Amino acid sequence: MEFVEKVKKMSNEALTKMVQHIQSLAPATISDIDATDKVQIKVDDFDRDTFAKLSEFVDELIINE
């Protein structure tokens, strides 16, 4: 839940960086939604190590905004 709250506060630029990072860490967890610019990220599919890396990355993005 804390992770989701952090993501909701991120800028579009930071969200783009986060999605690119997820694509490199766990590409199978991302899927496009129809023909829109939206993507679905299956956070529950991350293993513990991947989630920890992503959470740390998000924290860095927020600090640098």
PDB file of N, CA and C in Angstrom:
ATOM      1  N   MET A   1       0.826  -1.198   0.000  1.00  0.00           N
ATOM      2  CA  MET A   1       0.000   0.000   0.000  1.00  0.00           C
ATOM      3  C   MET A   1       0.868   1.259   0.000  1.00  0.00           C
ATOM      4  N   GLU A   2       1.933   1.257   0.784  1.00  0.00           N
ATOM      5  CA  GLU A   2       2.827   2.412   0.837  1.00  0.00           C
ATOM      6  C   GLU A   2       3.442   2.672  -0.539  1.00  0.00           C
ATOM      7  N   PHE A   3       3.797   1.597  -1.223  1.00  0.00           N
ATOM      8  CA  PHE A   3       4.388   1.715  -2.558  1.00  0.00           C
ATOM      9  C   PHE A   3       3.415   2.399  -3.516  1.00  0.00           C
ATOM     10  N   VAL A   4       2.171   1.987  -3.498  1.00  0.00           N
ATOM     11  CA  VAL A   4       1.153   2.555  -4.383  1.00  0.00           C
ATOM     12  C   VAL A   4       0.963   4.037  -4.097  1.00  0.00           C
ATOM     13  N   GLU A   5       0.968   4.421  -2.847  1.00  0.00           N
ATOM     14  CA  GLU A   5       0.821   5.835  -2.484  1.00  0.00           C
ATOM     15  C   GLU A   5       1.986   6.663  -3.024  1.00  0.00           C
ATOM     16  N   LYS A   6       3.185   6.104  -2.973  1.00  0.00           N
ATOM     17  CA  LYS A   6       4.353   6.801  -3.528  1.00  0.00           C
ATOM     18  C   LYS A   6       4.201   6.984  -5.032  1.00  0.00           C
ATOM     19  N   VAL A   7       3.772   5.938  -5.714  1.00  0.00           N
ATOM     20  CA  VAL A   7       3.630   5.985  -7.163  1.00  0.00           C
ATOM     21  C   VAL A   7       2.584   7.018  -7.571  1.00  0.00           C
ATOM     22  N   LYS A   8       1.509   7.124  -6.815  1.00  0.00           N
ATOM     23  CA  LYS A   8       0.451   8.090  -7.129  1.00  0.00           C
ATOM     24  C   LYS A   8       0.962   9.526  -7.094  1.00  0.00           C
ATOM     25  N   LYS A   9       2.001   9.789  -6.332  1.00  0.00           N
ATOM     26  CA  LYS A   9       2.522  11.145  -6.172  1.00  0.00           C
ATOM     27  C   LYS A   9       3.611  11.489  -7.195  1.00  0.00           C
ATOM     28  N   MET A  10       4.010  10.543  -8.010  1.00  0.00           N
ATOM     29  CA  MET A  10       5.112  10.751  -8.943  1.00  0.00           C
ATOM     30  C   MET A  10       4.679  11.546 -10.164  1.00  0.00           C
ATOM     31  N   SER A  11       5.632  12.293 -10.720  1.00  0.00           N
ATOM     32  CA  SER A  11       5.383  13.043 -11.955  1.00  0.00           C
ATOM     33  C   SER A  11       5.333  12.080 -13.139  1.00  0.00           C
ATOM     34  N   ASN A  12       4.849  12.564 -14.268  1.00  0.00           N
ATOM     35  CA  ASN A  12       4.792  11.721 -15.474  1.00  0.00           C
ATOM     36  C   ASN A  12       6.184  11.274 -15.895  1.00  0.00           C
ATOM     37  N   GLU A  13       7.151  12.162 -15.775  1.00  0.00           N
ATOM     38  CA  GLU A  13       8.530  11.824 -16.139  1.00  0.00           C
ATOM     39  C   GLU A  13       9.061  10.692 -15.252  1.00  0.00           C
ATOM     40  N   ALA A  14       8.810  10.796 -13.962  1.00  0.00           N
ATOM     41  CA  ALA A  14       9.261   9.765 -13.029  1.00  0.00           C
ATOM     42  C   ALA A  14       8.537   8.443 -13.285  1.00  0.00           C
ATOM     43  N   LEU A  15       7.248   8.518 -13.600  1.00  0.00           N
ATOM     44  CA  LEU A  15       6.490   7.303 -13.912  1.00  0.00           C
ATOM     45  C   LEU A  15       7.053   6.613 -15.154  1.00  0.00           C
ATOM     46  N   THR A  16       7.422   7.396 -16.140  1.00  0.00           N
ATOM     47  CA  THR A  16       8.018   6.838 -17.355  1.00  0.00           C
ATOM     48  C   THR A  16       9.317   6.115 -17.029  1.00  0.00           C
ATOM     49  N   LYS A  17      10.142   6.726 -16.193  1.00  0.00           N
ATOM     50  CA  LYS A  17      11.398   6.093 -15.785  1.00  0.00           C
ATOM     51  C   LYS A  17      11.131   4.812 -15.004  1.00  0.00           C
ATOM     52  N   MET A  18      10.122   4.840 -14.168  1.00  0.00           N
ATOM     53  CA  MET A  18       9.787   3.657 -13.376  1.00  0.00           C
ATOM     54  C   MET A  18       9.356   2.507 -14.299  1.00  0.00           C
ATOM     55  N   VAL A  19       8.510   2.806 -15.279  1.00  0.00           N
ATOM     56  CA  VAL A  19       8.041   1.776 -16.207  1.00  0.00           C
ATOM     57  C   VAL A  19       9.219   1.205 -16.999  1.00  0.00           C
ATOM     58  N   GLN A  20      10.132   2.060 -17.431  1.00  0.00           N
ATOM     59  CA  GLN A  20      11.312   1.587 -18.157  1.00  0.00           C
ATOM     60  C   GLN A  20      12.154   0.670 -17.265  1.00  0.00           C
ATOM     61  N   HIS A  21      12.265   1.026 -16.002  1.00  0.00           N
ATOM     62  CA  HIS A  21      13.029   0.212 -15.057  1.00  0.00           C
ATOM     63  C   HIS A  21      12.346  -1.144 -14.853  1.00  0.00           C
ATOM     64  N   ILE A  22      11.042  -1.142 -14.742  1.00  0.00           N
ATOM     65  CA  ILE A  22      10.299  -2.399 -14.589  1.00  0.00           C
ATOM     66  C   ILE A  22      10.477  -3.270 -15.832  1.00  0.00           C
ATOM     67  N   GLN A  23      10.480  -2.637 -17.005  1.00  0.00           N
ATOM     68  CA  GLN A  23      10.666  -3.401 -18.240  1.00  0.00           C
ATOM     69  C   GLN A  23      12.014  -4.110 -18.253  1.00  0.00           C
ATOM     70  N   SER A  24      13.012  -3.513 -17.620  1.00  0.00           N
ATOM     71  CA  SER A  24      14.323  -4.168 -17.577  1.00  0.00           C
ATOM     72  C   SER A  24      14.398  -5.233 -16.478  1.00  0.00           C
ATOM     73  N   LEU A  25      13.662  -5.038 -15.375  1.00  0.00           N
ATOM     74  CA  LEU A  25      13.706  -5.979 -14.256  1.00  0.00           C
ATOM     75  C   LEU A  25      12.749  -7.160 -14.422  1.00  0.00           C
ATOM     76  N   ALA A  26      11.528  -6.858 -14.831  1.00  0.00           N
ATOM     77  CA  ALA A  26      10.482  -7.894 -14.890  1.00  0.00           C
ATOM     78  C   ALA A  26       9.474  -7.567 -15.985  1.00  0.00           C
ATOM     79  N   PRO A  27       9.881  -7.702 -17.236  1.00  0.00           N
ATOM     80  CA  PRO A  27       9.002  -7.299 -18.345  1.00  0.00           C
ATOM     81  C   PRO A  27       7.665  -8.036 -18.400  1.00  0.00           C
ATOM     82  N   ALA A  28       7.597  -9.234 -17.870  1.00  0.00           N
ATOM     83  CA  ALA A  28       6.344 -10.004 -17.918  1.00  0.00           C
ATOM     84  C   ALA A  28       5.261  -9.419 -17.017  1.00  0.00           C
ATOM     85  N   THR A  29       5.633  -8.501 -16.124  1.00  0.00           N
ATOM     86  CA  THR A  29       4.648  -7.928 -15.205  1.00  0.00           C
ATOM     87  C   THR A  29       3.932  -6.713 -15.785  1.00  0.00           C
ATOM     88  N   ILE A  30       4.315  -6.300 -16.996  1.00  0.00           N
ATOM     89  CA  ILE A  30       3.710  -5.118 -17.621  1.00  0.00           C
ATOM     90  C   ILE A  30       2.896  -5.547 -18.838  1.00  0.00           C
ATOM     91  N   SER A  31       1.702  -4.966 -18.947  1.00  0.00           N
ATOM     92  CA  SER A  31       0.888  -5.200 -20.139  1.00  0.00           C
ATOM     93  C   SER A  31       0.201  -3.900 -20.521  1.00  0.00           C
ATOM     94  N   ASP A  32       0.022  -3.722 -21.832  1.00  0.00           N
ATOM     95  CA  ASP A  32      -0.679  -2.542 -22.344  1.00  0.00           C
ATOM     96  C   ASP A  32      -2.170  -2.710 -22.108  1.00  0.00           C
ATOM     97  N   ILE A  33      -2.835  -1.576 -21.904  1.00  0.00           N
ATOM     98  CA  ILE A  33      -4.286  -1.586 -21.759  1.00  0.00           C
ATOM     99  C   ILE A  33      -4.871  -0.994 -23.031  1.00  0.00           C
ATOM    100  N   ASP A  34      -5.495  -1.832 -23.813  1.00  0.00           N
ATOM    101  CA  ASP A  34      -6.095  -1.430 -25.083  1.00  0.00           C
ATOM    102  C   ASP A  34      -5.075  -0.677 -25.932  1.00  0.00           C
ATOM    103  N   ALA A  35      -5.520   0.357 -26.639  1.00  0.00           N
ATOM    104  CA  ALA A  35      -4.632   1.130 -27.502  1.00  0.00           C
ATOM    105  C   ALA A  35      -4.322   2.485 -26.873  1.00  0.00           C
ATOM    106  N   THR A  36      -4.349   2.548 -25.563  1.00  0.00           N
ATOM    107  CA  THR A  36      -4.093   3.807 -24.868  1.00  0.00           C
ATOM    108  C   THR A  36      -2.636   3.883 -24.438  1.00  0.00           C
ATOM    109  N   ASP A  37      -2.281   4.976 -23.814  1.00  0.00           N
ATOM    110  CA  ASP A  37      -0.934   5.147 -23.286  1.00  0.00           C
ATOM    111  C   ASP A  37      -0.801   4.552 -21.892  1.00  0.00           C
ATOM    112  N   LYS A  38      -1.805   3.826 -21.452  1.00  0.00           N
ATOM    113  CA  LYS A  38      -1.800   3.258 -20.104  1.00  0.00           C
ATOM    114  C   LYS A  38      -1.217   1.851 -20.118  1.00  0.00           C
ATOM    115  N   VAL A  39      -0.552   1.521 -19.025  1.00  0.00           N
ATOM    116  CA  VAL A  39      -0.037   0.165 -18.851  1.00  0.00           C
ATOM    117  C   VAL A  39      -0.518  -0.379 -17.518  1.00  0.00           C
ATOM    118  N   GLN A  40      -0.598  -1.681 -17.445  1.00  0.00           N
ATOM    119  CA  GLN A  40      -0.955  -2.333 -16.188  1.00  0.00           C
ATOM    120  C   GLN A  40       0.298  -3.026 -15.672  1.00  0.00           C
ATOM    121  N   ILE A  41       0.605  -2.778 -14.399  1.00  0.00           N
ATOM    122  CA  ILE A  41       1.769  -3.384 -13.768  1.00  0.00           C
ATOM    123  C   ILE A  41       1.269  -4.317 -12.678  1.00  0.00           C
ATOM    124  N   LYS A  42       1.623  -5.574 -12.790  1.00  0.00           N
ATOM    125  CA  LYS A  42       1.186  -6.582 -11.825  1.00  0.00           C
ATOM    126  C   LYS A  42       2.215  -6.669 -10.694  1.00  0.00           C
ATOM    127  N   VAL A  43       2.099  -5.764  -9.731  1.00  0.00           N
ATOM    128  CA  VAL A  43       3.044  -5.674  -8.625  1.00  0.00           C
ATOM    129  C   VAL A  43       3.078  -6.981  -7.832  1.00  0.00           C
ATOM    130  N   ASP A  44       1.959  -7.656  -7.717  1.00  0.00           N
ATOM    131  CA  ASP A  44       1.912  -8.914  -6.971  1.00  0.00           C
ATOM    132  C   ASP A  44       2.762 -10.013  -7.608  1.00  0.00           C
ATOM    133  N   ASP A  45       3.115  -9.837  -8.875  1.00  0.00           N
ATOM    134  CA  ASP A  45       3.929 -10.840  -9.570  1.00  0.00           C
ATOM    135  C   ASP A  45       5.432 -10.648  -9.357  1.00  0.00           C
ATOM    136  N   PHE A  46       5.830  -9.544  -8.731  1.00  0.00           N
ATOM    137  CA  PHE A  46       7.253  -9.328  -8.461  1.00  0.00           C
ATOM    138  C   PHE A  46       7.724 -10.286  -7.371  1.00  0.00           C
ATOM    139  N   ASP A  47       8.931 -10.822  -7.539  1.00  0.00           N
ATOM    140  CA  ASP A  47       9.505 -11.569  -6.430  1.00  0.00           C
ATOM    141  C   ASP A  47      10.042 -10.555  -5.418  1.00  0.00           C
ATOM    142  N   ARG A  48      10.417 -11.006  -4.261  1.00  0.00           N
ATOM    143  CA  ARG A  48      10.824 -10.112  -3.176  1.00  0.00           C
ATOM    144  C   ARG A  48      12.014  -9.234  -3.572  1.00  0.00           C
ATOM    145  N   ASP A  49      13.003  -9.806  -4.243  1.00  0.00           N
ATOM    146  CA  ASP A  49      14.203  -9.069  -4.635  1.00  0.00           C
ATOM    147  C   ASP A  49      13.874  -7.977  -5.652  1.00  0.00           C
ATOM    148  N   THR A  50      13.054  -8.313  -6.637  1.00  0.00           N
ATOM    149  CA  THR A  50      12.654  -7.344  -7.658  1.00  0.00           C
ATOM    150  C   THR A  50      11.860  -6.209  -7.032  1.00  0.00           C
ATOM    151  N   PHE A  51      10.950  -6.533  -6.136  1.00  0.00           N
ATOM    152  CA  PHE A  51      10.161  -5.492  -5.481  1.00  0.00           C
ATOM    153  C   PHE A  51      11.064  -4.571  -4.662  1.00  0.00           C
ATOM    154  N   ALA A  52      12.040  -5.119  -3.977  1.00  0.00           N
ATOM    155  CA  ALA A  52      12.963  -4.303  -3.175  1.00  0.00           C
ATOM    156  C   ALA A  52      13.757  -3.354  -4.075  1.00  0.00           C
ATOM    157  N   LYS A  53      14.237  -3.859  -5.213  1.00  0.00           N
ATOM    158  CA  LYS A  53      14.978  -3.013  -6.157  1.00  0.00           C
ATOM    159  C   LYS A  53      14.082  -1.912  -6.703  1.00  0.00           C
ATOM    160  N   LEU A  54      12.864  -2.250  -7.062  1.00  0.00           N
ATOM    161  CA  LEU A  54      11.937  -1.260  -7.608  1.00  0.00           C
ATOM    162  C   LEU A  54      11.568  -0.225  -6.561  1.00  0.00           C
ATOM    163  N   SER A  55      11.319  -0.653  -5.349  1.00  0.00           N
ATOM    164  CA  SER A  55      10.964   0.266  -4.275  1.00  0.00           C
ATOM    165  C   SER A  55      12.105   1.255  -4.018  1.00  0.00           C
ATOM    166  N   GLU A  56      13.318   0.769  -4.023  1.00  0.00           N
ATOM    167  CA  GLU A  56      14.485   1.634  -3.842  1.00  0.00           C
ATOM    168  C   GLU A  56      14.598   2.626  -4.997  1.00  0.00           C
ATOM    169  N   PHE A  57      14.357   2.165  -6.208  1.00  0.00           N
ATOM    170  CA  PHE A  57      14.403   3.023  -7.390  1.00  0.00           C
ATOM    171  C   PHE A  57      13.346   4.120  -7.299  1.00  0.00           C
ATOM    172  N   VAL A  58      12.131   3.766  -6.894  1.00  0.00           N
ATOM    173  CA  VAL A  58      11.052   4.739  -6.746  1.00  0.00           C
ATOM    174  C   VAL A  58      11.416   5.777  -5.676  1.00  0.00           C
ATOM    175  N   ASP A  59      11.974   5.334  -4.570  1.00  0.00           N
ATOM    176  CA  ASP A  59      12.403   6.266  -3.522  1.00  0.00           C
ATOM    177  C   ASP A  59      13.420   7.266  -4.066  1.00  0.00           C
ATOM    178  N   GLU A  60      14.369   6.794  -4.868  1.00  0.00           N
ATOM    179  CA  GLU A  60      15.366   7.679  -5.459  1.00  0.00           C
ATOM    180  C   GLU A  60      14.712   8.684  -6.409  1.00  0.00           C
ATOM    181  N   LEU A  61      13.760   8.216  -7.202  1.00  0.00           N
ATOM    182  CA  LEU A  61      13.063   9.120  -8.127  1.00  0.00           C
ATOM    183  C   LEU A  61      12.334  10.222  -7.364  1.00  0.00           C
ATOM    184  N   ILE A  62      11.680   9.843  -6.293  1.00  0.00           N
ATOM    185  CA  ILE A  62      10.916  10.823  -5.504  1.00  0.00           C
ATOM    186  C   ILE A  62      11.856  11.831  -4.869  1.00  0.00           C
ATOM    187  N   ILE A  63      12.964  11.372  -4.339  1.00  0.00           N
ATOM    188  CA  ILE A  63      13.944  12.281  -3.719  1.00  0.00           C
ATOM    189  C   ILE A  63      14.492  13.269  -4.729  1.00  0.00           C
ATOM    190  N   ASN A  64      14.709  12.803  -5.954  1.00  0.00           N
ATOM    191  CA  ASN A  64      15.308  13.655  -6.983  1.00  0.00           C
ATOM    192  C   ASN A  64      14.325  14.551  -7.720  1.00  0.00           C
ATOM    193  N   GLU A  65      13.053  14.430  -7.420  1.00  0.00           N
ATOM    194  CA  GLU A  65      12.057  15.303  -8.079  1.00  0.00           C
ATOM    195  C   GLU A  65      12.037  16.678  -7.482  1.00  0.00           C
TER     196      GLU A  65
END
